[in-house]
N, C-alpha and C. Protein backbone atom coordinates (compact mmCIF):
# COMPACT_ATOMS: atom_id res chain seq x y z
N MET A 1 38.76 -26.90 -60.21
CA MET A 1 37.92 -25.87 -59.71
C MET A 1 38.78 -24.94 -58.86
N PRO A 2 38.82 -23.65 -59.20
CA PRO A 2 39.67 -22.74 -58.45
C PRO A 2 39.06 -22.45 -57.07
N THR A 3 39.87 -22.34 -56.06
CA THR A 3 39.40 -22.00 -54.72
C THR A 3 39.63 -20.52 -54.47
N GLU A 4 38.75 -19.98 -53.80
CA GLU A 4 38.80 -18.55 -53.54
C GLU A 4 39.18 -18.33 -52.08
N THR A 5 40.03 -17.45 -51.78
CA THR A 5 40.44 -17.17 -50.41
C THR A 5 39.68 -15.95 -49.91
N ILE A 6 39.05 -16.13 -48.79
CA ILE A 6 38.30 -15.03 -48.20
C ILE A 6 39.21 -14.38 -47.16
N PRO A 7 39.40 -13.09 -47.27
CA PRO A 7 40.27 -12.45 -46.28
C PRO A 7 39.63 -12.50 -44.90
N GLN A 8 40.44 -12.78 -43.89
CA GLN A 8 39.94 -12.87 -42.52
C GLN A 8 40.44 -11.68 -41.72
N ALA A 9 39.64 -11.28 -40.80
CA ALA A 9 40.04 -10.18 -39.93
C ALA A 9 41.18 -10.66 -39.04
N PRO A 10 42.07 -9.77 -38.68
CA PRO A 10 43.16 -10.19 -37.81
C PRO A 10 42.61 -10.64 -36.46
N LEU A 11 43.25 -11.59 -35.86
CA LEU A 11 42.83 -12.09 -34.56
C LEU A 11 43.00 -11.00 -33.51
N ASP A 12 42.03 -10.94 -32.61
CA ASP A 12 42.11 -9.97 -31.53
C ASP A 12 43.14 -10.46 -30.53
N THR A 13 44.11 -9.67 -30.26
CA THR A 13 45.18 -10.10 -29.37
C THR A 13 45.02 -9.52 -27.96
N ARG A 14 43.91 -8.81 -27.73
CA ARG A 14 43.69 -8.28 -26.39
C ARG A 14 43.36 -9.42 -25.44
N PRO A 15 43.83 -9.36 -24.21
CA PRO A 15 43.48 -10.43 -23.27
C PRO A 15 42.00 -10.32 -22.89
N THR A 16 41.35 -11.43 -22.74
CA THR A 16 39.94 -11.43 -22.34
C THR A 16 39.88 -11.30 -20.82
N PRO A 17 38.95 -10.50 -20.36
CA PRO A 17 38.84 -10.36 -18.90
C PRO A 17 38.34 -11.67 -18.29
N PRO A 18 38.72 -11.91 -17.06
CA PRO A 18 38.26 -13.16 -16.43
C PRO A 18 36.76 -13.13 -16.24
N ARG A 19 36.10 -14.23 -16.40
CA ARG A 19 34.65 -14.32 -16.21
C ARG A 19 34.36 -14.55 -14.74
N LEU A 20 33.52 -13.70 -14.23
CA LEU A 20 33.13 -13.85 -12.83
C LEU A 20 31.95 -14.80 -12.76
N PRO A 21 31.93 -15.61 -11.73
CA PRO A 21 30.77 -16.51 -11.60
C PRO A 21 29.52 -15.68 -11.32
N ILE A 22 28.47 -15.91 -12.08
CA ILE A 22 27.27 -15.08 -11.97
C ILE A 22 26.32 -15.59 -10.89
N ARG A 23 26.30 -16.86 -10.63
CA ARG A 23 25.34 -17.39 -9.65
C ARG A 23 25.48 -16.77 -8.27
N PRO A 24 26.69 -16.64 -7.72
CA PRO A 24 26.78 -15.99 -6.41
C PRO A 24 26.27 -14.55 -6.42
N TRP A 25 26.52 -13.82 -7.53
CA TRP A 25 26.02 -12.45 -7.63
C TRP A 25 24.50 -12.41 -7.69
N LEU A 26 23.91 -13.31 -8.45
CA LEU A 26 22.45 -13.36 -8.53
C LEU A 26 21.85 -13.68 -7.17
N LEU A 27 22.43 -14.64 -6.48
CA LEU A 27 21.94 -15.02 -5.17
C LEU A 27 22.04 -13.84 -4.20
N ALA A 28 23.15 -13.15 -4.23
CA ALA A 28 23.33 -11.99 -3.34
C ALA A 28 22.29 -10.92 -3.63
N CYS A 29 22.02 -10.66 -4.91
CA CYS A 29 21.02 -9.64 -5.28
C CYS A 29 19.62 -10.05 -4.82
N MET A 30 19.30 -11.32 -5.01
CA MET A 30 17.97 -11.78 -4.60
C MET A 30 17.80 -11.69 -3.10
N LEU A 31 18.82 -12.06 -2.34
CA LEU A 31 18.73 -11.99 -0.89
C LEU A 31 18.64 -10.55 -0.42
N ALA A 32 19.39 -9.66 -1.04
CA ALA A 32 19.33 -8.25 -0.66
C ALA A 32 17.95 -7.68 -0.94
N GLY A 33 17.36 -8.03 -2.08
CA GLY A 33 16.02 -7.55 -2.40
C GLY A 33 14.98 -8.10 -1.44
N GLY A 34 15.12 -9.34 -1.04
CA GLY A 34 14.19 -9.94 -0.09
C GLY A 34 14.25 -9.26 1.26
N ASN A 35 15.46 -8.88 1.70
CA ASN A 35 15.59 -8.20 2.97
C ASN A 35 14.99 -6.80 2.91
N ALA A 36 15.11 -6.15 1.78
CA ALA A 36 14.52 -4.81 1.64
C ALA A 36 13.01 -4.88 1.79
N LEU A 37 12.38 -5.90 1.19
CA LEU A 37 10.94 -6.05 1.34
C LEU A 37 10.56 -6.43 2.75
N ALA A 38 11.37 -7.29 3.37
CA ALA A 38 11.06 -7.74 4.72
C ALA A 38 11.18 -6.59 5.71
N ASP A 39 12.02 -5.58 5.42
CA ASP A 39 12.21 -4.47 6.32
C ASP A 39 11.03 -3.52 6.33
N GLY A 40 10.17 -3.56 5.32
CA GLY A 40 9.01 -2.69 5.28
C GLY A 40 8.06 -3.03 6.42
N GLY A 41 7.47 -2.00 6.99
CA GLY A 41 6.55 -2.22 8.10
C GLY A 41 5.17 -2.64 7.63
N LYS A 42 4.41 -3.12 8.57
CA LYS A 42 3.03 -3.54 8.30
C LYS A 42 2.13 -2.82 9.28
N LEU A 43 1.05 -2.28 8.74
CA LEU A 43 0.03 -1.65 9.57
C LEU A 43 -1.20 -2.55 9.53
N ILE A 44 -1.55 -3.10 10.68
CA ILE A 44 -2.73 -3.95 10.78
C ILE A 44 -3.87 -3.11 11.36
N VAL A 45 -4.99 -3.10 10.64
CA VAL A 45 -6.14 -2.28 11.02
C VAL A 45 -7.30 -3.19 11.38
N GLU A 46 -7.79 -3.05 12.61
CA GLU A 46 -8.99 -3.77 13.04
C GLU A 46 -10.17 -2.83 12.88
N LEU A 47 -11.12 -3.24 12.04
CA LEU A 47 -12.31 -2.43 11.78
C LEU A 47 -13.45 -2.93 12.65
N GLN A 48 -13.96 -2.08 13.49
CA GLN A 48 -15.02 -2.46 14.43
C GLN A 48 -16.35 -1.86 14.01
N ASN A 49 -17.42 -2.56 14.34
CA ASN A 49 -18.78 -2.07 14.15
C ASN A 49 -19.23 -2.05 12.69
N VAL A 50 -18.78 -3.02 11.88
CA VAL A 50 -19.30 -3.12 10.52
C VAL A 50 -20.75 -3.58 10.64
N ARG A 51 -21.67 -2.84 10.06
CA ARG A 51 -23.10 -3.06 10.28
C ARG A 51 -23.65 -4.29 9.57
N ASP A 52 -23.31 -4.48 8.29
CA ASP A 52 -23.90 -5.61 7.55
C ASP A 52 -22.95 -6.06 6.44
N SER A 53 -23.41 -6.97 5.60
CA SER A 53 -22.56 -7.54 4.56
C SER A 53 -22.80 -6.93 3.17
N ALA A 54 -23.49 -5.82 3.11
CA ALA A 54 -23.72 -5.17 1.80
C ALA A 54 -22.42 -4.54 1.30
N GLY A 55 -22.10 -4.75 0.05
CA GLY A 55 -20.96 -4.07 -0.58
C GLY A 55 -19.61 -4.45 -0.04
N ASN A 56 -18.71 -3.48 0.00
CA ASN A 56 -17.33 -3.69 0.41
C ASN A 56 -16.90 -2.68 1.45
N ILE A 57 -15.83 -3.02 2.14
CA ILE A 57 -15.15 -2.08 3.02
C ILE A 57 -13.94 -1.59 2.25
N ARG A 58 -13.76 -0.27 2.19
CA ARG A 58 -12.61 0.32 1.48
C ARG A 58 -11.80 1.13 2.48
N ALA A 59 -10.51 0.84 2.51
CA ALA A 59 -9.60 1.56 3.39
C ALA A 59 -8.50 2.18 2.55
N SER A 60 -8.20 3.44 2.80
CA SER A 60 -7.15 4.12 2.06
C SER A 60 -6.13 4.69 3.04
N LEU A 61 -4.87 4.61 2.64
CA LEU A 61 -3.75 5.04 3.47
C LEU A 61 -3.12 6.28 2.85
N TYR A 62 -2.84 7.26 3.69
CA TYR A 62 -2.29 8.54 3.23
C TYR A 62 -1.02 8.87 4.02
N SER A 63 -0.07 9.51 3.34
CA SER A 63 1.15 9.93 4.02
C SER A 63 1.33 11.44 3.97
N GLU A 64 0.45 12.14 3.28
CA GLU A 64 0.56 13.59 3.11
C GLU A 64 -0.76 14.28 3.44
N PRO A 65 -0.72 15.39 4.17
CA PRO A 65 -1.96 16.12 4.47
C PRO A 65 -2.71 16.58 3.21
N ASP A 66 -1.99 16.94 2.15
CA ASP A 66 -2.65 17.45 0.94
C ASP A 66 -3.48 16.40 0.22
N SER A 67 -3.13 15.13 0.37
CA SER A 67 -3.86 14.07 -0.32
C SER A 67 -4.93 13.43 0.55
N PHE A 68 -4.94 13.74 1.84
CA PHE A 68 -5.85 13.08 2.79
C PHE A 68 -7.31 13.20 2.36
N ARG A 69 -8.00 12.09 2.40
CA ARG A 69 -9.41 11.92 2.04
C ARG A 69 -9.66 11.94 0.54
N LYS A 70 -8.63 12.07 -0.28
CA LYS A 70 -8.79 12.03 -1.74
C LYS A 70 -8.33 10.65 -2.19
N GLU A 71 -9.28 9.74 -2.32
CA GLU A 71 -8.94 8.34 -2.56
C GLU A 71 -8.07 8.15 -3.80
N ASP A 72 -8.25 8.96 -4.82
CA ASP A 72 -7.42 8.81 -6.02
C ASP A 72 -5.97 9.21 -5.78
N LYS A 73 -5.68 9.85 -4.65
CA LYS A 73 -4.32 10.23 -4.30
C LYS A 73 -3.78 9.44 -3.12
N ALA A 74 -4.48 8.37 -2.74
CA ALA A 74 -4.06 7.55 -1.61
C ALA A 74 -2.77 6.81 -1.94
N LEU A 75 -1.98 6.59 -0.92
CA LEU A 75 -0.75 5.83 -1.07
C LEU A 75 -1.07 4.36 -1.36
N LYS A 76 -2.04 3.81 -0.65
CA LYS A 76 -2.50 2.44 -0.85
C LYS A 76 -3.99 2.37 -0.56
N ILE A 77 -4.67 1.43 -1.23
CA ILE A 77 -6.10 1.19 -1.01
C ILE A 77 -6.29 -0.31 -0.84
N VAL A 78 -7.09 -0.67 0.16
CA VAL A 78 -7.46 -2.06 0.37
C VAL A 78 -8.98 -2.14 0.34
N SER A 79 -9.49 -3.12 -0.38
CA SER A 79 -10.94 -3.33 -0.44
C SER A 79 -11.22 -4.79 -0.12
N LEU A 80 -12.22 -5.03 0.73
CA LEU A 80 -12.60 -6.40 1.05
C LEU A 80 -14.10 -6.48 1.25
N PRO A 81 -14.67 -7.65 1.03
CA PRO A 81 -16.13 -7.79 1.20
C PRO A 81 -16.55 -7.46 2.63
N ALA A 82 -17.64 -6.74 2.74
CA ALA A 82 -18.17 -6.39 4.06
C ALA A 82 -18.74 -7.62 4.74
N ARG A 83 -18.64 -7.62 6.06
CA ARG A 83 -19.17 -8.70 6.88
C ARG A 83 -19.49 -8.08 8.24
N PRO A 84 -20.64 -8.37 8.82
CA PRO A 84 -20.99 -7.72 10.09
C PRO A 84 -20.00 -8.06 11.20
N GLY A 85 -19.75 -7.07 12.06
CA GLY A 85 -18.88 -7.30 13.21
C GLY A 85 -17.53 -6.61 13.03
N THR A 86 -16.46 -7.39 13.27
CA THR A 86 -15.10 -6.87 13.22
C THR A 86 -14.33 -7.53 12.08
N LEU A 87 -13.64 -6.72 11.29
CA LEU A 87 -12.80 -7.20 10.19
C LEU A 87 -11.37 -6.72 10.41
N THR A 88 -10.43 -7.43 9.82
CA THR A 88 -9.02 -7.02 9.91
C THR A 88 -8.45 -6.93 8.50
N LEU A 89 -7.68 -5.88 8.26
CA LEU A 89 -6.97 -5.72 6.99
C LEU A 89 -5.58 -5.20 7.30
N SER A 90 -4.70 -5.22 6.29
CA SER A 90 -3.35 -4.71 6.54
C SER A 90 -2.80 -3.98 5.32
N PHE A 91 -1.92 -3.05 5.61
CA PHE A 91 -1.14 -2.35 4.61
C PHE A 91 0.31 -2.80 4.82
N ASP A 92 0.91 -3.39 3.79
CA ASP A 92 2.24 -3.97 3.91
C ASP A 92 3.29 -3.12 3.20
N GLY A 93 4.56 -3.35 3.55
CA GLY A 93 5.68 -2.71 2.87
C GLY A 93 5.79 -1.23 3.13
N LEU A 94 5.47 -0.79 4.34
CA LEU A 94 5.49 0.64 4.65
C LEU A 94 6.82 1.06 5.26
N ALA A 95 7.33 2.17 4.82
CA ALA A 95 8.50 2.77 5.46
C ALA A 95 8.05 3.35 6.80
N PRO A 96 8.92 3.35 7.80
CA PRO A 96 8.53 4.00 9.05
C PRO A 96 8.14 5.45 8.78
N GLY A 97 7.09 5.90 9.44
CA GLY A 97 6.67 7.27 9.21
C GLY A 97 5.28 7.54 9.74
N ARG A 98 4.75 8.67 9.34
CA ARG A 98 3.46 9.17 9.79
C ARG A 98 2.43 8.95 8.69
N TYR A 99 1.32 8.30 9.04
CA TYR A 99 0.28 7.96 8.08
C TYR A 99 -1.08 8.25 8.70
N ALA A 100 -2.10 8.31 7.85
CA ALA A 100 -3.49 8.40 8.31
C ALA A 100 -4.31 7.43 7.45
N VAL A 101 -5.34 6.85 8.08
CA VAL A 101 -6.19 5.87 7.40
C VAL A 101 -7.62 6.37 7.42
N MET A 102 -8.29 6.24 6.28
CA MET A 102 -9.72 6.51 6.17
C MET A 102 -10.38 5.24 5.67
N VAL A 103 -11.47 4.86 6.32
CA VAL A 103 -12.20 3.64 5.96
C VAL A 103 -13.66 4.00 5.77
N TYR A 104 -14.30 3.36 4.79
CA TYR A 104 -15.74 3.53 4.68
C TYR A 104 -16.38 2.24 4.20
N HIS A 105 -17.65 2.08 4.57
CA HIS A 105 -18.44 0.92 4.17
C HIS A 105 -19.16 1.30 2.89
N ASP A 106 -18.62 0.84 1.77
CA ASP A 106 -19.17 1.16 0.45
C ASP A 106 -20.34 0.21 0.17
N ALA A 107 -21.44 0.47 0.84
CA ALA A 107 -22.60 -0.44 0.80
C ALA A 107 -23.16 -0.61 -0.61
N ASN A 108 -23.16 0.44 -1.41
CA ASN A 108 -23.70 0.33 -2.77
C ASN A 108 -22.62 0.02 -3.80
N ASP A 109 -21.41 -0.21 -3.34
CA ASP A 109 -20.29 -0.67 -4.19
C ASP A 109 -20.00 0.27 -5.36
N ASP A 110 -20.08 1.60 -5.12
CA ASP A 110 -19.77 2.55 -6.19
C ASP A 110 -18.38 3.16 -6.05
N GLN A 111 -17.59 2.65 -5.13
CA GLN A 111 -16.20 3.03 -4.89
C GLN A 111 -16.03 4.50 -4.51
N LYS A 112 -16.99 5.02 -3.76
CA LYS A 112 -16.84 6.36 -3.20
C LYS A 112 -17.70 6.46 -1.95
N LEU A 113 -17.31 7.34 -1.05
CA LEU A 113 -18.08 7.60 0.16
C LEU A 113 -19.21 8.55 -0.23
N ASN A 114 -20.43 8.07 -0.15
CA ASN A 114 -21.57 8.89 -0.53
C ASN A 114 -21.89 9.90 0.57
N LEU A 115 -22.21 11.12 0.15
CA LEU A 115 -22.47 12.22 1.08
C LEU A 115 -23.84 12.83 0.83
N ARG A 116 -24.48 13.27 1.90
CA ARG A 116 -25.75 14.00 1.81
C ARG A 116 -25.41 15.48 1.91
N LEU A 117 -25.92 16.27 1.01
CA LEU A 117 -25.64 17.71 0.93
C LEU A 117 -24.15 17.99 0.73
N GLY A 118 -23.44 17.01 0.18
CA GLY A 118 -22.02 17.18 -0.10
C GLY A 118 -21.12 17.21 1.12
N MET A 119 -21.71 16.95 2.33
CA MET A 119 -20.91 17.07 3.55
C MET A 119 -21.08 15.92 4.53
N PHE A 120 -22.25 15.32 4.59
CA PHE A 120 -22.54 14.35 5.64
C PHE A 120 -22.53 12.93 5.07
N PRO A 121 -21.64 12.07 5.57
CA PRO A 121 -21.58 10.70 5.04
C PRO A 121 -22.90 9.95 5.23
N THR A 122 -23.33 9.26 4.17
CA THR A 122 -24.53 8.42 4.26
C THR A 122 -24.15 6.95 4.39
N GLU A 123 -22.84 6.66 4.35
CA GLU A 123 -22.34 5.30 4.55
C GLU A 123 -21.42 5.33 5.77
N GLY A 124 -21.26 4.17 6.39
CA GLY A 124 -20.39 4.09 7.55
C GLY A 124 -18.97 4.49 7.19
N TYR A 125 -18.30 5.17 8.12
CA TYR A 125 -16.92 5.59 7.87
C TYR A 125 -16.16 5.62 9.19
N GLY A 126 -14.84 5.67 9.09
CA GLY A 126 -14.00 5.77 10.27
C GLY A 126 -12.62 6.27 9.88
N LEU A 127 -11.89 6.79 10.88
CA LEU A 127 -10.56 7.35 10.67
C LEU A 127 -9.61 6.81 11.72
N SER A 128 -8.34 6.72 11.38
CA SER A 128 -7.36 6.33 12.38
C SER A 128 -7.41 7.35 13.53
N ASN A 129 -7.19 6.88 14.73
CA ASN A 129 -7.30 7.64 15.98
C ASN A 129 -8.74 7.90 16.39
N ASN A 130 -9.71 7.52 15.56
CA ASN A 130 -11.14 7.71 15.87
C ASN A 130 -11.44 9.11 16.39
N PRO A 131 -11.03 10.16 15.68
CA PRO A 131 -11.27 11.52 16.18
C PRO A 131 -12.75 11.90 16.09
N LYS A 132 -13.15 12.78 16.96
CA LYS A 132 -14.48 13.40 16.85
C LYS A 132 -14.34 14.48 15.79
N VAL A 133 -15.17 14.41 14.76
CA VAL A 133 -15.03 15.38 13.67
C VAL A 133 -16.22 16.32 13.61
N MET A 134 -15.88 17.57 13.44
CA MET A 134 -16.87 18.61 13.17
C MET A 134 -16.34 19.27 11.90
N GLY A 135 -16.97 19.00 10.77
CA GLY A 135 -16.45 19.48 9.50
C GLY A 135 -15.52 18.45 8.89
N PRO A 136 -14.80 18.83 7.86
CA PRO A 136 -13.92 17.87 7.20
C PRO A 136 -12.81 17.38 8.14
N PRO A 137 -12.57 16.07 8.18
CA PRO A 137 -11.49 15.54 9.04
C PRO A 137 -10.13 16.05 8.58
N ARG A 138 -9.23 16.23 9.55
CA ARG A 138 -7.89 16.71 9.24
C ARG A 138 -6.87 15.59 9.37
N PHE A 139 -5.85 15.62 8.55
CA PHE A 139 -4.78 14.63 8.57
C PHE A 139 -4.15 14.54 9.96
N ASP A 140 -3.83 15.70 10.55
CA ASP A 140 -3.16 15.71 11.84
C ASP A 140 -3.96 15.02 12.94
N ASP A 141 -5.28 15.11 12.88
CA ASP A 141 -6.11 14.46 13.89
C ASP A 141 -6.13 12.94 13.74
N SER A 142 -5.85 12.46 12.55
CA SER A 142 -5.88 11.03 12.27
C SER A 142 -4.50 10.41 12.13
N ALA A 143 -3.45 11.22 12.16
CA ALA A 143 -2.09 10.73 11.91
C ALA A 143 -1.61 9.79 13.01
N ILE A 144 -0.96 8.72 12.57
CA ILE A 144 -0.39 7.72 13.48
C ILE A 144 1.05 7.46 13.04
N GLU A 145 1.85 6.94 13.94
CA GLU A 145 3.22 6.54 13.62
C GLU A 145 3.25 5.06 13.30
N VAL A 146 3.87 4.71 12.19
CA VAL A 146 4.04 3.31 11.81
C VAL A 146 5.52 3.01 11.87
N ASN A 147 5.87 1.97 12.61
CA ASN A 147 7.26 1.55 12.75
C ASN A 147 7.38 0.08 12.39
N ALA A 148 8.52 -0.30 11.82
CA ALA A 148 8.77 -1.70 11.47
C ALA A 148 8.94 -2.49 12.76
N PRO A 149 8.59 -3.72 12.81
CA PRO A 149 8.02 -4.49 11.71
C PRO A 149 6.49 -4.42 11.65
N GLU A 150 5.82 -4.00 12.75
CA GLU A 150 4.36 -4.07 12.73
C GLU A 150 3.77 -3.05 13.69
N SER A 151 2.70 -2.41 13.23
CA SER A 151 1.91 -1.50 14.07
C SER A 151 0.46 -1.92 13.95
N ARG A 152 -0.31 -1.67 15.01
CA ARG A 152 -1.73 -2.06 15.02
C ARG A 152 -2.58 -0.87 15.47
N ILE A 153 -3.74 -0.74 14.82
CA ILE A 153 -4.71 0.27 15.23
C ILE A 153 -6.10 -0.32 15.14
N ALA A 154 -7.04 0.30 15.82
CA ALA A 154 -8.46 -0.09 15.71
C ALA A 154 -9.23 1.15 15.26
N ILE A 155 -10.12 0.95 14.29
CA ILE A 155 -10.99 2.02 13.78
C ILE A 155 -12.43 1.58 13.96
N ARG A 156 -13.22 2.43 14.58
CA ARG A 156 -14.63 2.14 14.79
C ARG A 156 -15.44 2.87 13.71
N LEU A 157 -16.20 2.09 12.93
CA LEU A 157 -17.05 2.70 11.89
C LEU A 157 -18.25 3.36 12.54
N THR A 158 -18.60 4.54 12.03
CA THR A 158 -19.77 5.29 12.49
C THR A 158 -20.74 5.37 11.34
N TYR A 159 -22.01 5.05 11.62
CA TYR A 159 -23.04 5.09 10.59
C TYR A 159 -23.99 6.24 10.85
């Protein structure tokens, strides 16, 4: 039986680069990523005067005046079941900076602040700094400074 010779490609004579150990690099990357998350600030919000347990409490965080009060443009949104009295929620992983918070008691759970005549809230609401509002609330009146590692504010809901 005749044997057939298959031509082979010439051997690569280039030197192979040294292999670096990957585990130390992976560990370093994971630790660096963990520190980046740990460096983010936390804003703890104490909500006062929640009237009852109907629906949810919705809090939205804003960093820009143009997006303020537009929940679909909020930087972060937190929702939790309503409970009478005082509740606490937090926004995590925040860069130091200027923010404003709007909170409302979504009693009918429709994920929006209901208004009478398009202007007057019919559900409980509150803003950071608890400003007295005449007309639409302004970002500057509600703006607070958040610094790492933790900032705290209290918002009183008005019904």
